[in-house]
Amino acid sequence: MDYRYVGVVTHYFSRLGVAAILLDDELYLEDWVLFNGPHTQFEQQIFSMQINHQAVDQGLPGDEVAVQVDDVVRAGDEVYVIVD
């Protein structure tokens, strides 16, 4: 499996289970991603993504997107798209 770096977690909203991610590369709805950090490592598919509380299908470099996450993430965790 190959991984492509797409961004970094800037904030985790624990009550909502949502991560804010500042993107350095494109991210699409239904992409499989890896969250990786000193205390974090899990994979999940992106099923929900928003920019400024509006549902979107993709995020572009420079966007800060909010995604629903399956586990706890932390600010500074890196996000990678899993590439076949």
PDB file of N, CA and C in Angstrom:
ATOM      1  N   MET A   1       0.825  -1.180   0.000  1.00  0.00           N
ATOM      2  CA  MET A   1       0.000   0.000   0.000  1.00  0.00           C
ATOM      3  C   MET A   1       0.872   1.248   0.000  1.00  0.00           C
ATOM      4  N   ASP A   2       0.454   2.227  -0.763  1.00  0.00           N
ATOM      5  CA  ASP A   2       1.158   3.504  -0.792  1.00  0.00           C
ATOM      6  C   ASP A   2       0.283   4.567  -0.137  1.00  0.00           C
ATOM      7  N   TYR A   3       0.955   5.599   0.365  1.00  0.00           N
ATOM      8  CA  TYR A   3       0.265   6.683   1.048  1.00  0.00           C
ATOM      9  C   TYR A   3       0.691   8.014   0.444  1.00  0.00           C
ATOM     10  N   ARG A   4      -0.275   8.938   0.323  1.00  0.00           N
ATOM     11  CA  ARG A   4       0.000  10.284  -0.176  1.00  0.00           C
ATOM     12  C   ARG A   4      -0.411  11.279   0.906  1.00  0.00           C
ATOM     13  N   TYR A   5       0.546  12.090   1.365  1.00  0.00           N
ATOM     14  CA  TYR A   5       0.275  13.078   2.406  1.00  0.00           C
ATOM     15  C   TYR A   5      -0.717  14.109   1.883  1.00  0.00           C
ATOM     16  N   VAL A   6      -1.778  14.370   2.665  1.00  0.00           N
ATOM     17  CA  VAL A   6      -2.767  15.363   2.237  1.00  0.00           C
ATOM     18  C   VAL A   6      -2.951  16.512   3.216  1.00  0.00           C
ATOM     19  N   GLY A   7      -2.537  16.344   4.472  1.00  0.00           N
ATOM     20  CA  GLY A   7      -2.718  17.456   5.396  1.00  0.00           C
ATOM     21  C   GLY A   7      -2.478  17.082   6.840  1.00  0.00           C
ATOM     22  N   VAL A   8      -2.856  18.020   7.717  1.00  0.00           N
ATOM     23  CA  VAL A   8      -2.604  17.865   9.148  1.00  0.00           C
ATOM     24  C   VAL A   8      -3.865  18.249   9.928  1.00  0.00           C
ATOM     25  N   VAL A   9      -4.110  17.516  11.008  1.00  0.00           N
ATOM     26  CA  VAL A   9      -5.234  17.825  11.888  1.00  0.00           C
ATOM     27  C   VAL A   9      -4.915  19.108  12.647  1.00  0.00           C
ATOM     28  N   THR A  10      -5.827  20.072  12.599  1.00  0.00           N
ATOM     29  CA  THR A  10      -5.634  21.324  13.335  1.00  0.00           C
ATOM     30  C   THR A  10      -6.442  21.359  14.620  1.00  0.00           C
ATOM     31  N   HIS A  11      -7.534  20.575  14.671  1.00  0.00           N
ATOM     32  CA  HIS A  11      -8.373  20.568  15.876  1.00  0.00           C
ATOM     33  C   HIS A  11      -9.238  19.316  15.875  1.00  0.00           C
ATOM     34  N   TYR A  12      -9.541  18.823  17.073  1.00  0.00           N
ATOM     35  CA  TYR A  12     -10.457  17.696  17.224  1.00  0.00           C
ATOM     36  C   TYR A  12     -11.613  18.128  18.117  1.00  0.00           C
ATOM     37  N   PHE A  13     -12.830  17.976  17.618  1.00  0.00           N
ATOM     38  CA  PHE A  13     -14.036  18.318  18.362  1.00  0.00           C
ATOM     39  C   PHE A  13     -14.584  17.027  18.964  1.00  0.00           C
ATOM     40  N   SER A  14     -14.218  16.763  20.220  1.00  0.00           N
ATOM     41  CA  SER A  14     -14.492  15.463  20.832  1.00  0.00           C
ATOM     42  C   SER A  14     -15.984  15.164  20.963  1.00  0.00           C
ATOM     43  N   ARG A  15     -16.794  16.147  21.288  1.00  0.00           N
ATOM     44  CA  ARG A  15     -18.228  15.883  21.451  1.00  0.00           C
ATOM     45  C   ARG A  15     -18.889  15.501  20.132  1.00  0.00           C
ATOM     46  N   LEU A  16     -18.350  16.004  19.032  1.00  0.00           N
ATOM     47  CA  LEU A  16     -18.915  15.711  17.713  1.00  0.00           C
ATOM     48  C   LEU A  16     -18.210  14.559  17.010  1.00  0.00           C
ATOM     49  N   GLY A  17     -16.996  14.221  17.462  1.00  0.00           N
ATOM     50  CA  GLY A  17     -16.203  13.215  16.765  1.00  0.00           C
ATOM     51  C   GLY A  17     -15.772  13.706  15.396  1.00  0.00           C
ATOM     52  N   VAL A  18     -15.381  14.981  15.340  1.00  0.00           N
ATOM     53  CA  VAL A  18     -15.028  15.624  14.071  1.00  0.00           C
ATOM     54  C   VAL A  18     -13.611  16.179  14.147  1.00  0.00           C
ATOM     55  N   ALA A  19     -12.857  15.984  13.065  1.00  0.00           N
ATOM     56  CA  ALA A  19     -11.508  16.536  12.955  1.00  0.00           C
ATOM     57  C   ALA A  19     -11.497  17.644  11.917  1.00  0.00           C
ATOM     58  N   ALA A  20     -10.817  18.743  12.234  1.00  0.00           N
ATOM     59  CA  ALA A  20     -10.552  19.799  11.255  1.00  0.00           C
ATOM     60  C   ALA A  20      -9.182  19.509  10.662  1.00  0.00           C
ATOM     61  N   ILE A  21      -9.103  19.483   9.339  1.00  0.00           N
ATOM     62  CA  ILE A  21      -7.865  19.139   8.636  1.00  0.00           C
ATOM     63  C   ILE A  21      -7.513  20.261   7.673  1.00  0.00           C
ATOM     64  N   LEU A  22      -6.300  20.793   7.795  1.00  0.00           N
ATOM     65  CA  LEU A  22      -5.787  21.776   6.847  1.00  0.00           C
ATOM     66  C   LEU A  22      -5.115  21.005   5.722  1.00  0.00           C
ATOM     67  N   LEU A  23      -5.627  21.170   4.509  1.00  0.00           N
ATOM     68  CA  LEU A  23      -5.179  20.358   3.378  1.00  0.00           C
ATOM     69  C   LEU A  23      -3.999  20.974   2.637  1.00  0.00           C
ATOM     70  N   ASP A  24      -3.055  20.112   2.294  1.00  0.00           N
ATOM     71  CA  ASP A  24      -1.943  20.454   1.410  1.00  0.00           C
ATOM     72  C   ASP A  24      -2.136  19.822   0.038  1.00  0.00           C
ATOM     73  N   ASP A  25      -3.113  18.931  -0.083  1.00  0.00           N
ATOM     74  CA  ASP A  25      -3.401  18.237  -1.332  1.00  0.00           C
ATOM     75  C   ASP A  25      -4.901  17.940  -1.361  1.00  0.00           C
ATOM     76  N   GLU A  26      -5.391  17.430  -2.465  1.00  0.00           N
ATOM     77  CA  GLU A  26      -6.818  17.172  -2.623  1.00  0.00           C
ATOM     78  C   GLU A  26      -7.272  15.993  -1.764  1.00  0.00           C
ATOM     79  N   LEU A  27      -8.499  16.108  -1.240  1.00  0.00           N
ATOM     80  CA  LEU A  27      -9.137  15.036  -0.484  1.00  0.00           C
ATOM     81  C   LEU A  27     -10.567  14.926  -0.985  1.00  0.00           C
ATOM     82  N   TYR A  28     -11.014  13.701  -1.243  1.00  0.00           N
ATOM     83  CA  TYR A  28     -12.342  13.469  -1.807  1.00  0.00           C
ATOM     84  C   TYR A  28     -13.195  12.628  -0.867  1.00  0.00           C
ATOM     85  N   LEU A  29     -14.496  12.851  -0.921  1.00  0.00           N
ATOM     86  CA  LEU A  29     -15.445  12.012  -0.216  1.00  0.00           C
ATOM     87  C   LEU A  29     -15.232  10.570  -0.671  1.00  0.00           C
ATOM     88  N   GLU A  30     -15.282   9.644   0.243  1.00  0.00           N
ATOM     89  CA  GLU A  30     -15.099   8.210   0.029  1.00  0.00           C
ATOM     90  C   GLU A  30     -13.641   7.798  -0.124  1.00  0.00           C
ATOM     91  N   ASP A  31     -12.681   8.731  -0.023  1.00  0.00           N
ATOM     92  CA  ASP A  31     -11.267   8.344   0.041  1.00  0.00           C
ATOM     93  C   ASP A  31     -11.023   7.546   1.315  1.00  0.00           C
ATOM     94  N   TRP A  32     -10.095   6.601   1.248  1.00  0.00           N
ATOM     95  CA  TRP A  32      -9.596   5.920   2.440  1.00  0.00           C
ATOM     96  C   TRP A  32      -8.379   6.687   2.914  1.00  0.00           C
ATOM     97  N   VAL A  33      -8.335   6.996   4.211  1.00  0.00           N
ATOM     98  CA  VAL A  33      -7.235   7.783   4.760  1.00  0.00           C
ATOM     99  C   VAL A  33      -6.620   7.085   5.967  1.00  0.00           C
ATOM    100  N   LEU A  34      -5.386   7.481   6.250  1.00  0.00           N
ATOM    101  CA  LEU A  34      -4.662   7.052   7.444  1.00  0.00           C
ATOM    102  C   LEU A  34      -4.411   8.282   8.293  1.00  0.00           C
ATOM    103  N   PHE A  35      -4.817   8.234   9.556  1.00  0.00           N
ATOM    104  CA  PHE A  35      -4.462   9.259  10.534  1.00  0.00           C
ATOM    105  C   PHE A  35      -3.262   8.725  11.293  1.00  0.00           C
ATOM    106  N   ASN A  36      -2.176   9.504  11.330  1.00  0.00           N
ATOM    107  CA  ASN A  36      -0.938   9.021  11.930  1.00  0.00           C
ATOM    108  C   ASN A  36      -0.310  10.098  12.802  1.00  0.00           C
ATOM    109  N   GLY A  37       0.025   9.722  14.027  1.00  0.00           N
ATOM    110  CA  GLY A  37       0.683  10.629  14.962  1.00  0.00           C
ATOM    111  C   GLY A  37       1.332   9.828  16.072  1.00  0.00           C
ATOM    112  N   PRO A  38       1.936  10.507  17.051  1.00  0.00           N
ATOM    113  CA  PRO A  38       2.619   9.807  18.140  1.00  0.00           C
ATOM    114  C   PRO A  38       1.707   8.858  18.922  1.00  0.00           C
ATOM    115  N   HIS A  39       0.426   9.201  19.047  1.00  0.00           N
ATOM    116  CA  HIS A  39      -0.512   8.375  19.806  1.00  0.00           C
ATOM    117  C   HIS A  39      -1.708   7.951  18.962  1.00  0.00           C
ATOM    118  N   THR A  40      -1.606   8.121  17.661  1.00  0.00           N
ATOM    119  CA  THR A  40      -2.734   7.878  16.761  1.00  0.00           C
ATOM    120  C   THR A  40      -2.264   7.070  15.566  1.00  0.00           C
ATOM    121  N   GLN A  41      -3.022   6.042  15.207  1.00  0.00           N
ATOM    122  CA  GLN A  41      -2.794   5.359  13.937  1.00  0.00           C
ATOM    123  C   GLN A  41      -4.009   4.495  13.626  1.00  0.00           C
ATOM    124  N   PHE A  42      -4.812   4.960  12.675  1.00  0.00           N
ATOM    125  CA  PHE A  42      -5.948   4.168  12.221  1.00  0.00           C
ATOM    126  C   PHE A  42      -6.332   4.617  10.815  1.00  0.00           C
ATOM    127  N   GLU A  43      -7.017   3.707  10.124  1.00  0.00           N
ATOM    128  CA  GLU A  43      -7.496   3.972   8.773  1.00  0.00           C
ATOM    129  C   GLU A  43      -9.014   4.050   8.797  1.00  0.00           C
ATOM    130  N   GLN A  44      -9.560   4.866   7.916  1.00  0.00           N
ATOM    131  CA  GLN A  44     -11.012   4.947   7.772  1.00  0.00           C
ATOM    132  C   GLN A  44     -11.352   5.552   6.426  1.00  0.00           C
ATOM    133  N   GLN A  45     -12.592   5.347   6.017  1.00  0.00           N
ATOM    134  CA  GLN A  45     -13.095   5.967   4.799  1.00  0.00           C
ATOM    135  C   GLN A  45     -13.809   7.264   5.166  1.00  0.00           C
ATOM    136  N   ILE A  46     -13.676   8.269   4.309  1.00  0.00           N
ATOM    137  CA  ILE A  46     -14.318   9.564   4.537  1.00  0.00           C
ATOM    138  C   ILE A  46     -15.751   9.501   4.007  1.00  0.00           C
ATOM    139  N   PHE A  47     -16.717   9.594   4.924  1.00  0.00           N
ATOM    140  CA  PHE A  47     -18.130   9.560   4.546  1.00  0.00           C
ATOM    141  C   PHE A  47     -18.809  10.912   4.708  1.00  0.00           C
ATOM    142  N   SER A  48     -18.189  11.823   5.454  1.00  0.00           N
ATOM    143  CA  SER A  48     -18.783  13.135   5.707  1.00  0.00           C
ATOM    144  C   SER A  48     -17.680  14.177   5.690  1.00  0.00           C
ATOM    145  N   MET A  49     -17.848  15.209   4.847  1.00  0.00           N
ATOM    146  CA  MET A  49     -16.846  16.271   4.758  1.00  0.00           C
ATOM    147  C   MET A  49     -17.569  17.601   4.562  1.00  0.00           C
ATOM    148  N   GLN A  50     -17.128  18.615   5.320  1.00  0.00           N
ATOM    149  CA  GLN A  50     -17.733  19.940   5.234  1.00  0.00           C
ATOM    150  C   GLN A  50     -16.663  21.026   5.198  1.00  0.00           C
ATOM    151  N   ILE A  51     -17.008  22.117   4.526  1.00  0.00           N
ATOM    152  CA  ILE A  51     -16.223  23.349   4.569  1.00  0.00           C
ATOM    153  C   ILE A  51     -17.193  24.451   4.976  1.00  0.00           C
ATOM    154  N   ASN A  52     -16.893  25.150   6.063  1.00  0.00           N
ATOM    155  CA  ASN A  52     -17.777  26.207   6.584  1.00  0.00           C
ATOM    156  C   ASN A  52     -19.216  25.722   6.751  1.00  0.00           C
ATOM    157  N   HIS A  53     -19.378  24.532   7.320  1.00  0.00           N
ATOM    158  CA  HIS A  53     -20.683  23.939   7.629  1.00  0.00           C
ATOM    159  C   HIS A  53     -21.505  23.593   6.390  1.00  0.00           C
ATOM    160  N   GLN A  54     -20.866  23.528   5.230  1.00  0.00           N
ATOM    161  CA  GLN A  54     -21.530  23.128   3.992  1.00  0.00           C
ATOM    162  C   GLN A  54     -20.933  21.805   3.524  1.00  0.00           C
ATOM    163  N   ALA A  55     -21.787  20.824   3.248  1.00  0.00           N
ATOM    164  CA  ALA A  55     -21.315  19.529   2.770  1.00  0.00           C
ATOM    165  C   ALA A  55     -20.627  19.695   1.414  1.00  0.00           C
ATOM    166  N   VAL A  56     -19.484  19.044   1.258  1.00  0.00           N
ATOM    167  CA  VAL A  56     -18.726  19.101   0.006  1.00  0.00           C
ATOM    168  C   VAL A  56     -18.272  17.696  -0.375  1.00  0.00           C
ATOM    169  N   ASP A  57     -17.948  17.518  -1.663  1.00  0.00           N
ATOM    170  CA  ASP A  57     -17.449  16.240  -2.164  1.00  0.00           C
ATOM    171  C   ASP A  57     -15.936  16.190  -2.216  1.00  0.00           C
ATOM    172  N   GLN A  58     -15.298  17.376  -2.145  1.00  0.00           N
ATOM    173  CA  GLN A  58     -13.837  17.417  -2.212  1.00  0.00           C
ATOM    174  C   GLN A  58     -13.314  18.636  -1.478  1.00  0.00           C
ATOM    175  N   GLY A  59     -12.074  18.520  -1.030  1.00  0.00           N
ATOM    176  CA  GLY A  59     -11.352  19.643  -0.457  1.00  0.00           C
ATOM    177  C   GLY A  59     -10.093  19.861  -1.266  1.00  0.00           C
ATOM    178  N   LEU A  60      -9.709  21.109  -1.444  1.00  0.00           N
ATOM    179  CA  LEU A  60      -8.543  21.460  -2.252  1.00  0.00           C
ATOM    180  C   LEU A  60      -7.424  21.988  -1.362  1.00  0.00           C
ATOM    181  N   PRO A  61      -6.190  22.024  -1.878  1.00  0.00           N
ATOM    182  CA  PRO A  61      -5.080  22.557  -1.078  1.00  0.00           C
ATOM    183  C   PRO A  61      -5.412  23.951  -0.539  1.00  0.00           C
ATOM    184  N   GLY A  62      -5.155  24.142   0.750  1.00  0.00           N
ATOM    185  CA  GLY A  62      -5.452  25.409   1.403  1.00  0.00           C
ATOM    186  C   GLY A  62      -6.781  25.420   2.134  1.00  0.00           C
ATOM    187  N   ASP A  63      -7.676  24.480   1.798  1.00  0.00           N
ATOM    188  CA  ASP A  63      -8.965  24.382   2.486  1.00  0.00           C
ATOM    189  C   ASP A  63      -8.779  23.768   3.870  1.00  0.00           C
ATOM    190  N   GLU A  64      -9.633  24.174   4.800  1.00  0.00           N
ATOM    191  CA  GLU A  64      -9.724  23.473   6.078  1.00  0.00           C
ATOM    192  C   GLU A  64     -11.071  22.768   6.082  1.00  0.00           C
ATOM    193  N   VAL A  65     -11.023  21.440   6.079  1.00  0.00           N
ATOM    194  CA  VAL A  65     -12.239  20.639   6.010  1.00  0.00           C
ATOM    195  C   VAL A  65     -12.508  19.999   7.363  1.00  0.00           C
ATOM    196  N   ALA A  66     -13.780  19.752   7.613  1.00  0.00           N
ATOM    197  CA  ALA A  66     -14.188  19.024   8.813  1.00  0.00           C
ATOM    198  C   ALA A  66     -14.678  17.653   8.370  1.00  0.00           C
ATOM    199  N   VAL A  67     -14.141  16.604   8.986  1.00  0.00           N
ATOM    200  CA  VAL A  67     -14.546  15.242   8.649  1.00  0.00           C
ATOM    201  C   VAL A  67     -14.916  14.486   9.920  1.00  0.00           C
ATOM    202  N   GLN A  68     -15.927  13.634   9.793  1.00  0.00           N
ATOM    203  CA  GLN A  68     -16.314  12.749  10.885  1.00  0.00           C
ATOM    204  C   GLN A  68     -15.236  11.677  11.002  1.00  0.00           C
ATOM    205  N   VAL A  69     -14.764  11.404  12.226  1.00  0.00           N
ATOM    206  CA  VAL A  69     -13.714  10.403  12.421  1.00  0.00           C
ATOM    207  C   VAL A  69     -14.201   9.289  13.335  1.00  0.00           C
ATOM    208  N   ASP A  70     -13.621   8.103  13.135  1.00  0.00           N
ATOM    209  CA  ASP A  70     -14.014   6.909  13.878  1.00  0.00           C
ATOM    210  C   ASP A  70     -13.323   6.784  15.228  1.00  0.00           C
ATOM    211  N   ASP A  71     -12.261   7.548  15.452  1.00  0.00           N
ATOM    212  CA  ASP A  71     -11.477   7.437  16.677  1.00  0.00           C
ATOM    213  C   ASP A  71     -10.936   8.825  17.027  1.00  0.00           C
ATOM    214  N   VAL A  72     -10.318   8.922  18.187  1.00  0.00           N
ATOM    215  CA  VAL A  72      -9.754  10.196  18.643  1.00  0.00           C
ATOM    216  C   VAL A  72      -8.527  10.546  17.807  1.00  0.00           C
ATOM    217  N   VAL A  73      -8.456  11.800  17.361  1.00  0.00           N
ATOM    218  CA  VAL A  73      -7.257  12.330  16.708  1.00  0.00           C
ATOM    219  C   VAL A  73      -6.783  13.531  17.513  1.00  0.00           C
ATOM    220  N   ARG A  74      -5.566  13.975  17.221  1.00  0.00           N
ATOM    221  CA  ARG A  74      -4.986  15.087  17.965  1.00  0.00           C
ATOM    222  C   ARG A  74      -4.418  16.112  16.988  1.00  0.00           C
ATOM    223  N   ALA A  75      -4.407  17.366  17.412  1.00  0.00           N
ATOM    224  CA  ALA A  75      -3.794  18.410  16.592  1.00  0.00           C
ATOM    225  C   ALA A  75      -2.359  18.007  16.289  1.00  0.00           C
ATOM    226  N   GLY A  76      -1.967  18.137  15.043  1.00  0.00           N
ATOM    227  CA  GLY A  76      -0.624  17.763  14.617  1.00  0.00           C
ATOM    228  C   GLY A  76      -0.555  16.390  13.976  1.00  0.00           C
ATOM    229  N   ASP A  77      -1.594  15.558  14.154  1.00  0.00           N
ATOM    230  CA  ASP A  77      -1.611  14.259  13.478  1.00  0.00           C
ATOM    231  C   ASP A  77      -1.632  14.484  11.970  1.00  0.00           C
ATOM    232  N   GLU A  78      -0.877  13.664  11.256  1.00  0.00           N
ATOM    233  CA  GLU A  78      -0.817  13.778   9.800  1.00  0.00           C
ATOM    234  C   GLU A  78      -1.883  12.898   9.164  1.00  0.00           C
ATOM    235  N   VAL A  79      -2.356  13.337   7.997  1.00  0.00           N
ATOM    236  CA  VAL A  79      -3.405  12.619   7.279  1.00  0.00           C
ATOM    237  C   VAL A  79      -2.866  12.232   5.906  1.00  0.00           C
ATOM    238  N   TYR A  80      -3.031  10.957   5.565  1.00  0.00           N
ATOM    239  CA  TYR A  80      -2.559  10.414   4.296  1.00  0.00           C
ATOM    240  C   TYR A  80      -3.714   9.726   3.581  1.00  0.00           C
ATOM    241  N   VAL A  81      -3.807   9.895   2.260  1.00  0.00           N
ATOM    242  CA  VAL A  81      -4.743   9.121   1.455  1.00  0.00           C
ATOM    243  C   VAL A  81      -4.063   7.806   1.110  1.00  0.00           C
ATOM    244  N   ILE A  82      -4.814   6.719   1.223  1.00  0.00           N
ATOM    245  CA  ILE A  82      -4.293   5.402   0.862  1.00  0.00           C
ATOM    246  C   ILE A  82      -4.478   5.236  -0.636  1.00  0.00           C
ATOM    247  N   VAL A  83      -3.370   5.001  -1.338  1.00  0.00           N
ATOM    248  CA  VAL A  83      -3.363   4.908  -2.798  1.00  0.00           C
ATOM    249  C   VAL A  83      -3.116   3.458  -3.192  1.00  0.00           C
ATOM    250  N   ASP A  84      -3.916   2.951  -4.124  1.00  0.00           N
ATOM    251  CA  ASP A  84      -3.715   1.570  -4.603  1.00  0.00           C
ATOM    252  C   ASP A  84      -2.503   1.474  -5.482  1.00  0.00           C
TER     253      ASP A  84
END
